PDB file of N, CA and C in Angstrom:
ATOM      1  N   MET A   1       8.905  36.385 -14.305  1.00  0.00           N
ATOM      2  CA  MET A   1       8.656  35.001 -14.616  1.00  0.00           C
ATOM      3  C   MET A   1       7.806  34.389 -13.504  1.00  0.00           C
ATOM      4  N   THR A   2       6.772  33.714 -13.862  1.00  0.00           N
ATOM      5  CA  THR A   2       5.885  33.117 -12.860  1.00  0.00           C
ATOM      6  C   THR A   2       6.305  31.683 -12.575  1.00  0.00           C
ATOM      7  N   GLU A   3       6.066  31.292 -11.343  1.00  0.00           N
ATOM      8  CA  GLU A   3       6.387  29.928 -10.924  1.00  0.00           C
ATOM      9  C   GLU A   3       5.279  28.990 -11.359  1.00  0.00           C
ATOM     10  N   LYS A   4       5.666  27.795 -11.797  1.00  0.00           N
ATOM     11  CA  LYS A   4       4.666  26.805 -12.195  1.00  0.00           C
ATOM     12  C   LYS A   4       4.222  26.022 -10.974  1.00  0.00           C
ATOM     13  N   HIS A   5       2.966  25.858 -10.842  1.00  0.00           N
ATOM     14  CA  HIS A   5       2.377  25.065  -9.766  1.00  0.00           C
ATOM     15  C   HIS A   5       2.258  23.624 -10.237  1.00  0.00           C
ATOM     16  N   PRO A   6       2.438  22.617  -9.325  1.00  0.00           N
ATOM     17  CA  PRO A   6       2.342  21.220  -9.764  1.00  0.00           C
ATOM     18  C   PRO A   6       1.014  20.881 -10.435  1.00  0.00           C
ATOM     19  N   SER A   7      -0.046  21.593 -10.082  1.00  0.00           N
ATOM     20  CA  SER A   7      -1.340  21.296 -10.706  1.00  0.00           C
ATOM     21  C   SER A   7      -1.440  21.864 -12.124  1.00  0.00           C
ATOM     22  N   ASP A   8      -0.434  22.647 -12.549  1.00  0.00           N
ATOM     23  CA  ASP A   8      -0.431  23.194 -13.903  1.00  0.00           C
ATOM     24  C   ASP A   8       0.007  22.171 -14.950  1.00  0.00           C
ATOM     25  N   HIS A   9       0.568  21.021 -14.527  1.00  0.00           N
ATOM     26  CA  HIS A   9       0.999  19.987 -15.467  1.00  0.00           C
ATOM     27  C   HIS A   9      -0.221  19.407 -16.164  1.00  0.00           C
ATOM     28  N   PRO A  10      -0.122  19.204 -17.454  1.00  0.00           N
ATOM     29  CA  PRO A  10      -1.237  18.523 -18.130  1.00  0.00           C
ATOM     30  C   PRO A  10      -1.289  17.057 -17.681  1.00  0.00           C
ATOM     31  N   THR A  11      -2.484  16.568 -17.458  1.00  0.00           N
ATOM     32  CA  THR A  11      -2.621  15.196 -17.007  1.00  0.00           C
ATOM     33  C   THR A  11      -2.691  14.265 -18.213  1.00  0.00           C
ATOM     34  N   SER A  12      -1.987  13.170 -18.110  1.00  0.00           N
ATOM     35  CA  SER A  12      -1.986  12.183 -19.182  1.00  0.00           C
ATOM     36  C   SER A  12      -3.156  11.226 -18.996  1.00  0.00           C
ATOM     37  N   ARG A  13      -3.368  10.399 -19.995  1.00  0.00           N
ATOM     38  CA  ARG A  13      -4.420   9.378 -19.899  1.00  0.00           C
ATOM     39  C   ARG A  13      -4.099   8.384 -18.788  1.00  0.00           C
ATOM     40  N   LEU A  14      -2.816   8.071 -18.614  1.00  0.00           N
ATOM     41  CA  LEU A  14      -2.427   7.148 -17.551  1.00  0.00           C
ATOM     42  C   LEU A  14      -2.737   7.742 -16.179  1.00  0.00           C
ATOM     43  N   ALA A  15      -2.465   9.027 -15.997  1.00  0.00           N
ATOM     44  CA  ALA A  15      -2.760   9.674 -14.722  1.00  0.00           C
ATOM     45  C   ALA A  15      -4.265   9.690 -14.466  1.00  0.00           C
ATOM     46  N   GLN A  16      -5.037   9.898 -15.510  1.00  0.00           N
ATOM     47  CA  GLN A  16      -6.492   9.867 -15.359  1.00  0.00           C
ATOM     48  C   GLN A  16      -6.973   8.460 -15.012  1.00  0.00           C
ATOM     49  N   ALA A  17      -6.352   7.435 -15.607  1.00  0.00           N
ATOM     50  CA  ALA A  17      -6.710   6.050 -15.289  1.00  0.00           C
ATOM     51  C   ALA A  17      -6.365   5.731 -13.832  1.00  0.00           C
ATOM     52  N   ILE A  18      -5.241   6.252 -13.342  1.00  0.00           N
ATOM     53  CA  ILE A  18      -4.857   6.035 -11.944  1.00  0.00           C
ATOM     54  C   ILE A  18      -5.897   6.640 -11.016  1.00  0.00           C
ATOM     55  N   VAL A  19      -6.354   7.839 -11.331  1.00  0.00           N
ATOM     56  CA  VAL A  19      -7.372   8.489 -10.502  1.00  0.00           C
ATOM     57  C   VAL A  19      -8.667   7.671 -10.496  1.00  0.00           C
ATOM     58  N   VAL A  20      -9.037   7.148 -11.650  1.00  0.00           N
ATOM     59  CA  VAL A  20     -10.247   6.323 -11.733  1.00  0.00           C
ATOM     60  C   VAL A  20     -10.083   5.068 -10.880  1.00  0.00           C
ATOM     61  N   PHE A  21      -8.926   4.407 -10.985  1.00  0.00           N
ATOM     62  CA  PHE A  21      -8.686   3.209 -10.177  1.00  0.00           C
ATOM     63  C   PHE A  21      -8.714   3.525  -8.684  1.00  0.00           C
ATOM     64  N   VAL A  22      -8.104   4.643  -8.299  1.00  0.00           N
ATOM     65  CA  VAL A  22      -8.090   5.015  -6.874  1.00  0.00           C
ATOM     66  C   VAL A  22      -9.504   5.284  -6.369  1.00  0.00           C
ATOM     67  N   CYS A  23     -10.370   5.784  -7.222  1.00  0.00           N
ATOM     68  CA  CYS A  23     -11.755   6.034  -6.820  1.00  0.00           C
ATOM     69  C   CYS A  23     -12.606   4.763  -6.844  1.00  0.00           C
ATOM     70  N   VAL A  24     -12.328   3.856  -7.781  1.00  0.00           N
ATOM     71  CA  VAL A  24     -13.157   2.665  -7.953  1.00  0.00           C
ATOM     72  C   VAL A  24     -12.787   1.549  -6.975  1.00  0.00           C
ATOM     73  N   ILE A  25     -11.507   1.413  -6.642  1.00  0.00           N
ATOM     74  CA  ILE A  25     -11.078   0.298  -5.787  1.00  0.00           C
ATOM     75  C   ILE A  25     -11.757   0.305  -4.414  1.00  0.00           C
ATOM     76  N   PRO A  26     -11.929   1.437  -3.727  1.00  0.00           N
ATOM     77  CA  PRO A  26     -12.662   1.375  -2.453  1.00  0.00           C
ATOM     78  C   PRO A  26     -14.110   0.907  -2.618  1.00  0.00           C
ATOM     79  N   MET A  27     -14.731   1.256  -3.743  1.00  0.00           N
ATOM     80  CA  MET A  27     -16.094   0.778  -3.973  1.00  0.00           C
ATOM     81  C   MET A  27     -16.107  -0.733  -4.188  1.00  0.00           C
ATOM     82  N   ILE A  28     -15.154  -1.227  -4.968  1.00  0.00           N
ATOM     83  CA  ILE A  28     -15.067  -2.668  -5.185  1.00  0.00           C
ATOM     84  C   ILE A  28     -14.748  -3.385  -3.883  1.00  0.00           C
ATOM     85  N   ALA A  29     -13.840  -2.811  -3.083  1.00  0.00           N
ATOM     86  CA  ALA A  29     -13.464  -3.434  -1.805  1.00  0.00           C
ATOM     87  C   ALA A  29     -14.658  -3.534  -0.876  1.00  0.00           C
ATOM     88  N   THR A  30     -15.492  -2.523  -0.875  1.00  0.00           N
ATOM     89  CA  THR A  30     -16.681  -2.550  -0.023  1.00  0.00           C
ATOM     90  C   THR A  30     -17.623  -3.670  -0.433  1.00  0.00           C
ATOM     91  N   ILE A  31     -17.747  -3.890  -1.714  1.00  0.00           N
ATOM     92  CA  ILE A  31     -18.652  -4.931  -2.205  1.00  0.00           C
ATOM     93  C   ILE A  31     -18.075  -6.322  -1.964  1.00  0.00           C
ATOM     94  N   VAL A  32     -16.815  -6.546  -2.314  1.00  0.00           N
ATOM     95  CA  VAL A  32     -16.272  -7.906  -2.256  1.00  0.00           C
ATOM     96  C   VAL A  32     -15.804  -8.331  -0.878  1.00  0.00           C
ATOM     97  N   PHE A  33     -15.584  -7.411   0.048  1.00  0.00           N
ATOM     98  CA  PHE A  33     -15.137  -7.834   1.371  1.00  0.00           C
ATOM     99  C   PHE A  33     -16.265  -8.434   2.192  1.00  0.00           C
ATOM    100  N   GLY A  34     -17.472  -8.469   1.655  1.00  0.00           N
ATOM    101  CA  GLY A  34     -18.528  -9.211   2.322  1.00  0.00           C
ATOM    102  C   GLY A  34     -18.257 -10.699   2.248  1.00  0.00           C
ATOM    103  N   ALA A  35     -17.516 -11.118   1.245  1.00  0.00           N
ATOM    104  CA  ALA A  35     -17.118 -12.513   1.109  1.00  0.00           C
ATOM    105  C   ALA A  35     -15.793 -12.712   1.842  1.00  0.00           C
ATOM    106  N   VAL A  36     -15.569 -13.926   2.312  1.00  0.00           N
ATOM    107  CA  VAL A  36     -14.338 -14.204   3.050  1.00  0.00           C
ATOM    108  C   VAL A  36     -13.384 -15.074   2.238  1.00  0.00           C
ATOM    109  N   ASP A  37     -13.650 -15.199   0.961  1.00  0.00           N
ATOM    110  CA  ASP A  37     -12.801 -16.023   0.113  1.00  0.00           C
ATOM    111  C   ASP A  37     -11.492 -15.316  -0.188  1.00  0.00           C
ATOM    112  N   SER A  38     -10.488 -16.091  -0.511  1.00  0.00           N
ATOM    113  CA  SER A  38      -9.177 -15.513  -0.799  1.00  0.00           C
ATOM    114  C   SER A  38      -9.151 -14.816  -2.163  1.00  0.00           C
ATOM    115  N   TRP A  39     -10.091 -15.119  -3.039  1.00  0.00           N
ATOM    116  CA  TRP A  39     -10.105 -14.464  -4.339  1.00  0.00           C
ATOM    117  C   TRP A  39     -10.366 -12.974  -4.203  1.00  0.00           C
ATOM    118  N   THR A  40     -11.078 -12.550  -3.141  1.00  0.00           N
ATOM    119  CA  THR A  40     -11.350 -11.121  -2.971  1.00  0.00           C
ATOM    120  C   THR A  40     -10.066 -10.365  -2.664  1.00  0.00           C
ATOM    121  N   ILE A  41      -9.241 -10.936  -1.800  1.00  0.00           N
ATOM    122  CA  ILE A  41      -7.968 -10.288  -1.483  1.00  0.00           C
ATOM    123  C   ILE A  41      -7.067 -10.307  -2.712  1.00  0.00           C
ATOM    124  N   GLY A  42      -7.106 -11.401  -3.471  1.00  0.00           N
ATOM    125  CA  GLY A  42      -6.319 -11.476  -4.696  1.00  0.00           C
ATOM    126  C   GLY A  42      -6.741 -10.435  -5.716  1.00  0.00           C
ATOM    127  N   LEU A  43      -8.047 -10.246  -5.862  1.00  0.00           N
ATOM    128  CA  LEU A  43      -8.561  -9.250  -6.813  1.00  0.00           C
ATOM    129  C   LEU A  43      -8.100  -7.848  -6.424  1.00  0.00           C
ATOM    130  N   LEU A  44      -8.207  -7.516  -5.149  1.00  0.00           N
ATOM    131  CA  LEU A  44      -7.785  -6.188  -4.705  1.00  0.00           C
ATOM    132  C   LEU A  44      -6.275  -6.011  -4.844  1.00  0.00           C
ATOM    133  N   SER A  45      -5.514  -7.077  -4.603  1.00  0.00           N
ATOM    134  CA  SER A  45      -4.061  -7.000  -4.782  1.00  0.00           C
ATOM    135  C   SER A  45      -3.706  -6.751  -6.240  1.00  0.00           C
ATOM    136  N   ILE A  46      -4.403  -7.400  -7.143  1.00  0.00           N
ATOM    137  CA  ILE A  46      -4.160  -7.196  -8.574  1.00  0.00           C
ATOM    138  C   ILE A  46      -4.501  -5.759  -8.972  1.00  0.00           C
ATOM    139  N   LEU A  47      -5.606  -5.231  -8.471  1.00  0.00           N
ATOM    140  CA  LEU A  47      -6.002  -3.859  -8.813  1.00  0.00           C
ATOM    141  C   LEU A  47      -4.997  -2.836  -8.280  1.00  0.00           C
ATOM    142  N   VAL A  48      -4.502  -3.055  -7.072  1.00  0.00           N
ATOM    143  CA  VAL A  48      -3.500  -2.140  -6.517  1.00  0.00           C
ATOM    144  C   VAL A  48      -2.190  -2.264  -7.297  1.00  0.00           C
ATOM    145  N   SER A  49      -1.848  -3.471  -7.734  1.00  0.00           N
ATOM    146  CA  SER A  49      -0.648  -3.656  -8.551  1.00  0.00           C
ATOM    147  C   SER A  49      -0.783  -2.936  -9.890  1.00  0.00           C
ATOM    148  N   ILE A  50      -1.982  -2.932 -10.440  1.00  0.00           N
ATOM    149  CA  ILE A  50      -2.218  -2.206 -11.697  1.00  0.00           C
ATOM    150  C   ILE A  50      -1.985  -0.712 -11.494  1.00  0.00           C
ATOM    151  N   ILE A  51      -2.405  -0.176 -10.352  1.00  0.00           N
ATOM    152  CA  ILE A  51      -2.158   1.242 -10.059  1.00  0.00           C
ATOM    153  C   ILE A  51      -0.658   1.516 -10.009  1.00  0.00           C
ATOM    154  N   ALA A  52       0.090   0.646  -9.327  1.00  0.00           N
ATOM    155  CA  ALA A  52       1.539   0.842  -9.214  1.00  0.00           C
ATOM    156  C   ALA A  52       2.198   0.772 -10.592  1.00  0.00           C
ATOM    157  N   LEU A  53       1.784  -0.176 -11.414  1.00  0.00           N
ATOM    158  CA  LEU A  53       2.355  -0.290 -12.758  1.00  0.00           C
ATOM    159  C   LEU A  53       2.015   0.919 -13.629  1.00  0.00           C
ATOM    160  N   LEU A  54       0.767   1.382 -13.550  1.00  0.00           N
ATOM    161  CA  LEU A  54       0.381   2.576 -14.321  1.00  0.00           C
ATOM    162  C   LEU A  54       1.188   3.792 -13.875  1.00  0.00           C
ATOM    163  N   TRP A  55       1.441   3.905 -12.572  1.00  0.00           N
ATOM    164  CA  TRP A  55       2.211   5.025 -12.046  1.00  0.00           C
ATOM    165  C   TRP A  55       3.646   4.966 -12.563  1.00  0.00           C
ATOM    166  N   LEU A  56       4.240   3.761 -12.586  1.00  0.00           N
ATOM    167  CA  LEU A  56       5.600   3.623 -13.100  1.00  0.00           C
ATOM    168  C   LEU A  56       5.668   3.909 -14.598  1.00  0.00           C
ATOM    169  N   VAL A  57       4.695   3.427 -15.354  1.00  0.00           N
ATOM    170  CA  VAL A  57       4.673   3.693 -16.793  1.00  0.00           C
ATOM    171  C   VAL A  57       4.488   5.181 -17.049  1.00  0.00           C
ATOM    172  N   ASP A  58       3.614   5.825 -16.291  1.00  0.00           N
ATOM    173  CA  ASP A  58       3.393   7.266 -16.447  1.00  0.00           C
ATOM    174  C   ASP A  58       4.672   8.033 -16.113  1.00  0.00           C
ATOM    175  N   ALA A  59       5.395   7.585 -15.087  1.00  0.00           N
ATOM    176  CA  ALA A  59       6.662   8.239 -14.736  1.00  0.00           C
ATOM    177  C   ALA A  59       7.685   8.049 -15.849  1.00  0.00           C
ATOM    178  N   GLY A  60       7.708   6.876 -16.451  1.00  0.00           N
ATOM    179  CA  GLY A  60       8.645   6.640 -17.543  1.00  0.00           C
ATOM    180  C   GLY A  60       8.322   7.455 -18.779  1.00  0.00           C
ATOM    181  N   VAL A  61       7.042   7.573 -19.094  1.00  0.00           N
ATOM    182  CA  VAL A  61       6.629   8.323 -20.291  1.00  0.00           C
ATOM    183  C   VAL A  61       6.846   9.820 -20.103  1.00  0.00           C
ATOM    184  N   SER A  62       6.472  10.334 -18.931  1.00  0.00           N
ATOM    185  CA  SER A  62       6.586  11.776 -18.703  1.00  0.00           C
ATOM    186  C   SER A  62       7.999  12.196 -18.301  1.00  0.00           C
ATOM    187  N   GLY A  63       8.814  11.254 -17.857  1.00  0.00           N
ATOM    188  CA  GLY A  63      10.176  11.590 -17.469  1.00  0.00           C
ATOM    189  C   GLY A  63      10.298  12.151 -16.068  1.00  0.00           C
ATOM    190  N   GLU A  64       9.227  12.116 -15.293  1.00  0.00           N
ATOM    191  CA  GLU A  64       9.290  12.590 -13.909  1.00  0.00           C
ATOM    192  C   GLU A  64       8.347  11.770 -13.041  1.00  0.00           C
ATOM    193  N   LEU A  65       8.782  11.519 -11.825  1.00  0.00           N
ATOM    194  CA  LEU A  65       7.978  10.775 -10.864  1.00  0.00           C
ATOM    195  C   LEU A  65       7.251  11.785  -9.980  1.00  0.00           C
ATOM    196  N   ARG A  66       5.955  11.910 -10.187  1.00  0.00           N
ATOM    197  CA  ARG A  66       5.173  12.891  -9.436  1.00  0.00           C
ATOM    198  C   ARG A  66       4.476  12.204  -8.273  1.00  0.00           C
ATOM    199  N   TYR A  67       4.508  12.852  -7.133  1.00  0.00           N
ATOM    200  CA  TYR A  67       3.825  12.365  -5.942  1.00  0.00           C
ATOM    201  C   TYR A  67       3.427  13.564  -5.097  1.00  0.00           C
ATOM    202  N   GLY A  68       2.449  13.353  -4.243  1.00  0.00           N
ATOM    203  CA  GLY A  68       1.971  14.429  -3.391  1.00  0.00           C
ATOM    204  C   GLY A  68       2.781  14.522  -2.105  1.00  0.00           C
ATOM    205  N   THR A  69       2.982  15.743  -1.627  1.00  0.00           N
ATOM    206  CA  THR A  69       3.693  15.948  -0.375  1.00  0.00           C
ATOM    207  C   THR A  69       2.756  16.490   0.695  1.00  0.00           C
ATOM    208  N   SER A  70       1.500  16.121   0.602  1.00  0.00           N
ATOM    209  CA  SER A  70       0.507  16.619   1.545  1.00  0.00           C
ATOM    210  C   SER A  70       0.724  16.011   2.931  1.00  0.00           C
ATOM    211  N   LYS A  71       0.466  16.797   3.935  1.00  0.00           N
ATOM    212  CA  LYS A  71       0.591  16.315   5.321  1.00  0.00           C
ATOM    213  C   LYS A  71      -0.526  15.336   5.680  1.00  0.00           C
ATOM    214  N   LEU A  72      -1.524  15.210   4.811  1.00  0.00           N
ATOM    215  CA  LEU A  72      -2.590  14.238   5.045  1.00  0.00           C
ATOM    216  C   LEU A  72      -2.095  12.801   4.908  1.00  0.00           C
ATOM    217  N   GLN A  73      -0.914  12.610   4.316  1.00  0.00           N
ATOM    218  CA  GLN A  73      -0.349  11.280   4.166  1.00  0.00           C
ATOM    219  C   GLN A  73       0.353  10.801   5.431  1.00  0.00           C
ATOM    220  N   LEU A  74       0.580  11.681   6.394  1.00  0.00           N
ATOM    221  CA  LEU A  74       1.267  11.299   7.631  1.00  0.00           C
ATOM    222  C   LEU A  74       0.534  10.207   8.415  1.00  0.00           C
ATOM    223  N   PRO A  75      -0.806  10.222   8.524  1.00  0.00           N
ATOM    224  CA  PRO A  75      -1.469   9.107   9.224  1.00  0.00           C
ATOM    225  C   PRO A  75      -1.244   7.755   8.551  1.00  0.00           C
ATOM    226  N   ILE A  76      -1.171   7.726   7.231  1.00  0.00           N
ATOM    227  CA  ILE A  76      -0.911   6.469   6.530  1.00  0.00           C
ATOM    228  C   ILE A  76       0.498   5.983   6.844  1.00  0.00           C
ATOM    229  N   ILE A  77       1.457   6.900   6.834  1.00  0.00           N
ATOM    230  CA  ILE A  77       2.837   6.540   7.176  1.00  0.00           C
ATOM    231  C   ILE A  77       2.911   6.052   8.614  1.00  0.00           C
ATOM    232  N   ALA A  78       2.153   6.683   9.518  1.00  0.00           N
ATOM    233  CA  ALA A  78       2.135   6.251  10.921  1.00  0.00           C
ATOM    234  C   ALA A  78       1.545   4.844  11.056  1.00  0.00           C
ATOM    235  N   LEU A  79       0.498   4.534  10.305  1.00  0.00           N
ATOM    236  CA  LEU A  79      -0.086   3.186  10.352  1.00  0.00           C
ATOM    237  C   LEU A  79       0.888   2.141   9.834  1.00  0.00           C
ATOM    238  N   ILE A  80       1.632   2.467   8.796  1.00  0.00           N
ATOM    239  CA  ILE A  80       2.647   1.542   8.279  1.00  0.00           C
ATOM    240  C   ILE A  80       3.732   1.324   9.328  1.00  0.00           C
ATOM    241  N   ALA A  81       4.144   2.390  10.009  1.00  0.00           N
ATOM    242  CA  ALA A  81       5.156   2.262  11.061  1.00  0.00           C
ATOM    243  C   ALA A  81       4.652   1.398  12.207  1.00  0.00           C
ATOM    244  N   ILE A  82       3.384   1.553  12.583  1.00  0.00           N
ATOM    245  CA  ILE A  82       2.811   0.721  13.641  1.00  0.00           C
ATOM    246  C   ILE A  82       2.820  -0.747  13.211  1.00  0.00           C
ATOM    247  N   GLY A  83       2.516  -1.023  11.959  1.00  0.00           N
ATOM    248  CA  GLY A  83       2.560  -2.394  11.456  1.00  0.00           C
ATOM    249  C   GLY A  83       3.954  -2.983  11.538  1.00  0.00           C
ATOM    250  N   PHE A  84       4.973  -2.189  11.199  1.00  0.00           N
ATOM    251  CA  PHE A  84       6.347  -2.683  11.304  1.00  0.00           C
ATOM    252  C   PHE A  84       6.728  -2.952  12.751  1.00  0.00           C
ATOM    253  N   VAL A  85       6.324  -2.076  13.662  1.00  0.00           N
ATOM    254  CA  VAL A  85       6.634  -2.276  15.084  1.00  0.00           C
ATOM    255  C   VAL A  85       5.956  -3.544  15.593  1.00  0.00           C
ATOM    256  N   GLN A  86       4.745  -3.807  15.146  1.00  0.00           N
ATOM    257  CA  GLN A  86       4.034  -5.007  15.586  1.00  0.00           C
ATOM    258  C   GLN A  86       4.714  -6.281  15.109  1.00  0.00           C
ATOM    259  N   LEU A  87       5.481  -6.213  14.054  1.00  0.00           N
ATOM    260  CA  LEU A  87       6.151  -7.403  13.523  1.00  0.00           C
ATOM    261  C   LEU A  87       7.535  -7.633  14.128  1.00  0.00           C
ATOM    262  N   LEU A  88       8.013  -6.713  14.967  1.00  0.00           N
ATOM    263  CA  LEU A  88       9.317  -6.893  15.592  1.00  0.00           C
ATOM    264  C   LEU A  88       9.279  -8.082  16.546  1.00  0.00           C
ATOM    265  N   PRO A  89      10.278  -8.954  16.463  1.00  0.00           N
ATOM    266  CA  PRO A  89      10.296 -10.102  17.383  1.00  0.00           C
ATOM    267  C   PRO A  89      10.691  -9.665  18.791  1.00  0.00           C
ATOM    268  N   PHE A  90      10.168 -10.356  19.764  1.00  0.00           N
ATOM    269  CA  PHE A  90      10.553 -10.117  21.148  1.00  0.00           C
ATOM    270  C   PHE A  90      10.575 -11.463  21.864  1.00  0.00           C
ATOM    271  N   GLY A  91      11.063 -11.460  23.073  1.00  0.00           N
ATOM    272  CA  GLY A  91      11.136 -12.705  23.840  1.00  0.00           C
ATOM    273  C   GLY A  91      12.554 -13.208  23.888  1.00  0.00           C
ATOM    274  N   PRO A  92      12.720 -14.473  24.246  1.00  0.00           N
ATOM    275  CA  PRO A  92      14.075 -15.010  24.389  1.00  0.00           C
ATOM    276  C   PRO A  92      14.802 -15.039  23.050  1.00  0.00           C
ATOM    277  N   GLY A  93      16.090 -14.777  23.098  1.00  0.00           N
ATOM    278  CA  GLY A  93      16.876 -14.718  21.884  1.00  0.00           C
ATOM    279  C   GLY A  93      17.550 -16.030  21.535  1.00  0.00           C
ATOM    280  N   ASP A  94      17.269 -17.084  22.246  1.00  0.00           N
ATOM    281  CA  ASP A  94      17.898 -18.373  22.000  1.00  0.00           C
ATOM    282  C   ASP A  94      17.385 -18.950  20.682  1.00  0.00           C
ATOM    283  N   ILE A  95      18.277 -19.194  19.739  1.00  0.00           N
ATOM    284  CA  ILE A  95      17.876 -19.659  18.416  1.00  0.00           C
ATOM    285  C   ILE A  95      17.245 -21.043  18.481  1.00  0.00           C
ATOM    286  N   ALA A  96      17.792 -21.923  19.302  1.00  0.00           N
ATOM    287  CA  ALA A  96      17.243 -23.280  19.392  1.00  0.00           C
ATOM    288  C   ALA A  96      15.813 -23.246  19.913  1.00  0.00           C
ATOM    289  N   GLU A  97      15.566 -22.364  20.869  1.00  0.00           N
ATOM    290  CA  GLU A  97      14.213 -22.265  21.414  1.00  0.00           C
ATOM    291  C   GLU A  97      13.246 -21.730  20.362  1.00  0.00           C
ATOM    292  N   LEU A  98      13.719 -20.791  19.556  1.00  0.00           N
ATOM    293  CA  LEU A  98      12.861 -20.239  18.507  1.00  0.00           C
ATOM    294  C   LEU A  98      12.574 -21.261  17.413  1.00  0.00           C
ATOM    295  N   LEU A  99      13.523 -22.111  17.113  1.00  0.00           N
ATOM    296  CA  LEU A  99      13.291 -23.124  16.080  1.00  0.00           C
ATOM    297  C   LEU A  99      12.300 -24.179  16.535  1.00  0.00           C
ATOM    298  N   ASN A 100      12.258 -24.463  17.827  1.00  0.00           N
ATOM    299  CA  ASN A 100      11.337 -25.477  18.338  1.00  0.00           C
ATOM    300  C   ASN A 100       9.934 -24.926  18.557  1.00  0.00           C
ATOM    301  N   ALA A 101       9.800 -23.609  18.616  1.00  0.00           N
ATOM    302  CA  ALA A 101       8.504 -22.999  18.889  1.00  0.00           C
ATOM    303  C   ALA A 101       7.752 -22.795  17.581  1.00  0.00           C
ATOM    304  N   PRO A 102       6.521 -23.304  17.472  1.00  0.00           N
ATOM    305  CA  PRO A 102       5.757 -23.102  16.242  1.00  0.00           C
ATOM    306  C   PRO A 102       5.153 -21.708  16.142  1.00  0.00           C
ATOM    307  N   VAL A 103       5.076 -20.977  17.247  1.00  0.00           N
ATOM    308  CA  VAL A 103       4.447 -19.669  17.260  1.00  0.00           C
ATOM    309  C   VAL A 103       5.525 -18.597  17.162  1.00  0.00           C
ATOM    310  N   VAL A 104       5.299 -17.621  16.297  1.00  0.00           N
ATOM    311  CA  VAL A 104       6.213 -16.493  16.173  1.00  0.00           C
ATOM    312  C   VAL A 104       5.919 -15.535  17.315  1.00  0.00           C
ATOM    313  N   GLN A 105       6.947 -15.106  18.003  1.00  0.00           N
ATOM    314  CA  GLN A 105       6.753 -14.213  19.149  1.00  0.00           C
ATOM    315  C   GLN A 105       6.917 -12.765  18.709  1.00  0.00           C
ATOM    316  N   THR A 106       5.819 -12.125  18.404  1.00  0.00           N
ATOM    317  CA  THR A 106       5.808 -10.721  18.016  1.00  0.00           C
ATOM    318  C   THR A 106       4.761  -9.999  18.849  1.00  0.00           C
ATOM    319  N   LEU A 107       4.699  -8.695  18.706  1.00  0.00           N
ATOM    320  CA  LEU A 107       3.693  -7.924  19.422  1.00  0.00           C
ATOM    321  C   LEU A 107       2.294  -8.168  18.863  1.00  0.00           C
ATOM    322  N   SER A 108       2.221  -8.542  17.609  1.00  0.00           N
ATOM    323  CA  SER A 108       0.938  -8.783  16.977  1.00  0.00           C
ATOM    324  C   SER A 108       0.419 -10.171  17.336  1.00  0.00           C
ATOM    325  N   MET A 109      -0.876 -10.253  17.559  1.00  0.00           N
ATOM    326  CA  MET A 109      -1.474 -11.558  17.860  1.00  0.00           C
ATOM    327  C   MET A 109      -1.446 -12.463  16.639  1.00  0.00           C
ATOM    328  N   ASP A 110      -1.555 -11.892  15.452  1.00  0.00           N
ATOM    329  CA  ASP A 110      -1.514 -12.659  14.210  1.00  0.00           C
ATOM    330  C   ASP A 110      -0.541 -11.986  13.259  1.00  0.00           C
ATOM    331  N   PRO A 111       0.770 -12.288  13.379  1.00  0.00           N
ATOM    332  CA  PRO A 111       1.759 -11.568  12.576  1.00  0.00           C
ATOM    333  C   PRO A 111       1.617 -11.800  11.082  1.00  0.00           C
ATOM    334  N   TYR A 112       1.073 -12.919  10.672  1.00  0.00           N
ATOM    335  CA  TYR A 112       0.931 -13.186   9.241  1.00  0.00           C
ATOM    336  C   TYR A 112      -0.180 -12.340   8.640  1.00  0.00           C
ATOM    337  N   ALA A 113      -1.167 -11.949   9.417  1.00  0.00           N
ATOM    338  CA  ALA A 113      -2.228 -11.082   8.925  1.00  0.00           C
ATOM    339  C   ALA A 113      -1.835  -9.609   9.022  1.00  0.00           C
ATOM    340  N   THR A 114      -0.882  -9.290   9.895  1.00  0.00           N
ATOM    341  CA  THR A 114      -0.433  -7.912  10.030  1.00  0.00           C
ATOM    342  C   THR A 114       0.252  -7.477   8.766  1.00  0.00           C
TER     343      THR A 114
END
């Protein structure tokens, strides 16, 4: 009996649409990030949300949640971890002092953009 490789699964239309979105979104991001309007970030957020929804629908239809276990994803996980570390609060722990301070004391210079 031969073992099935994950690439032997037939790809659905939803999986093909996800691949198209993953390829098209960086091109769109390159074009629209020349503008500094908030609609560009909103557009990219909507497109990424569509990818997540398509992935969930594909998982529901196929009955399995498929994802890659490639070691190439480790740098992305490391960047996410760095972002979380940058948002950790530091400084005095006095609650009254924190309530009076308008600035959030984190490692990041702009925690809301992090």
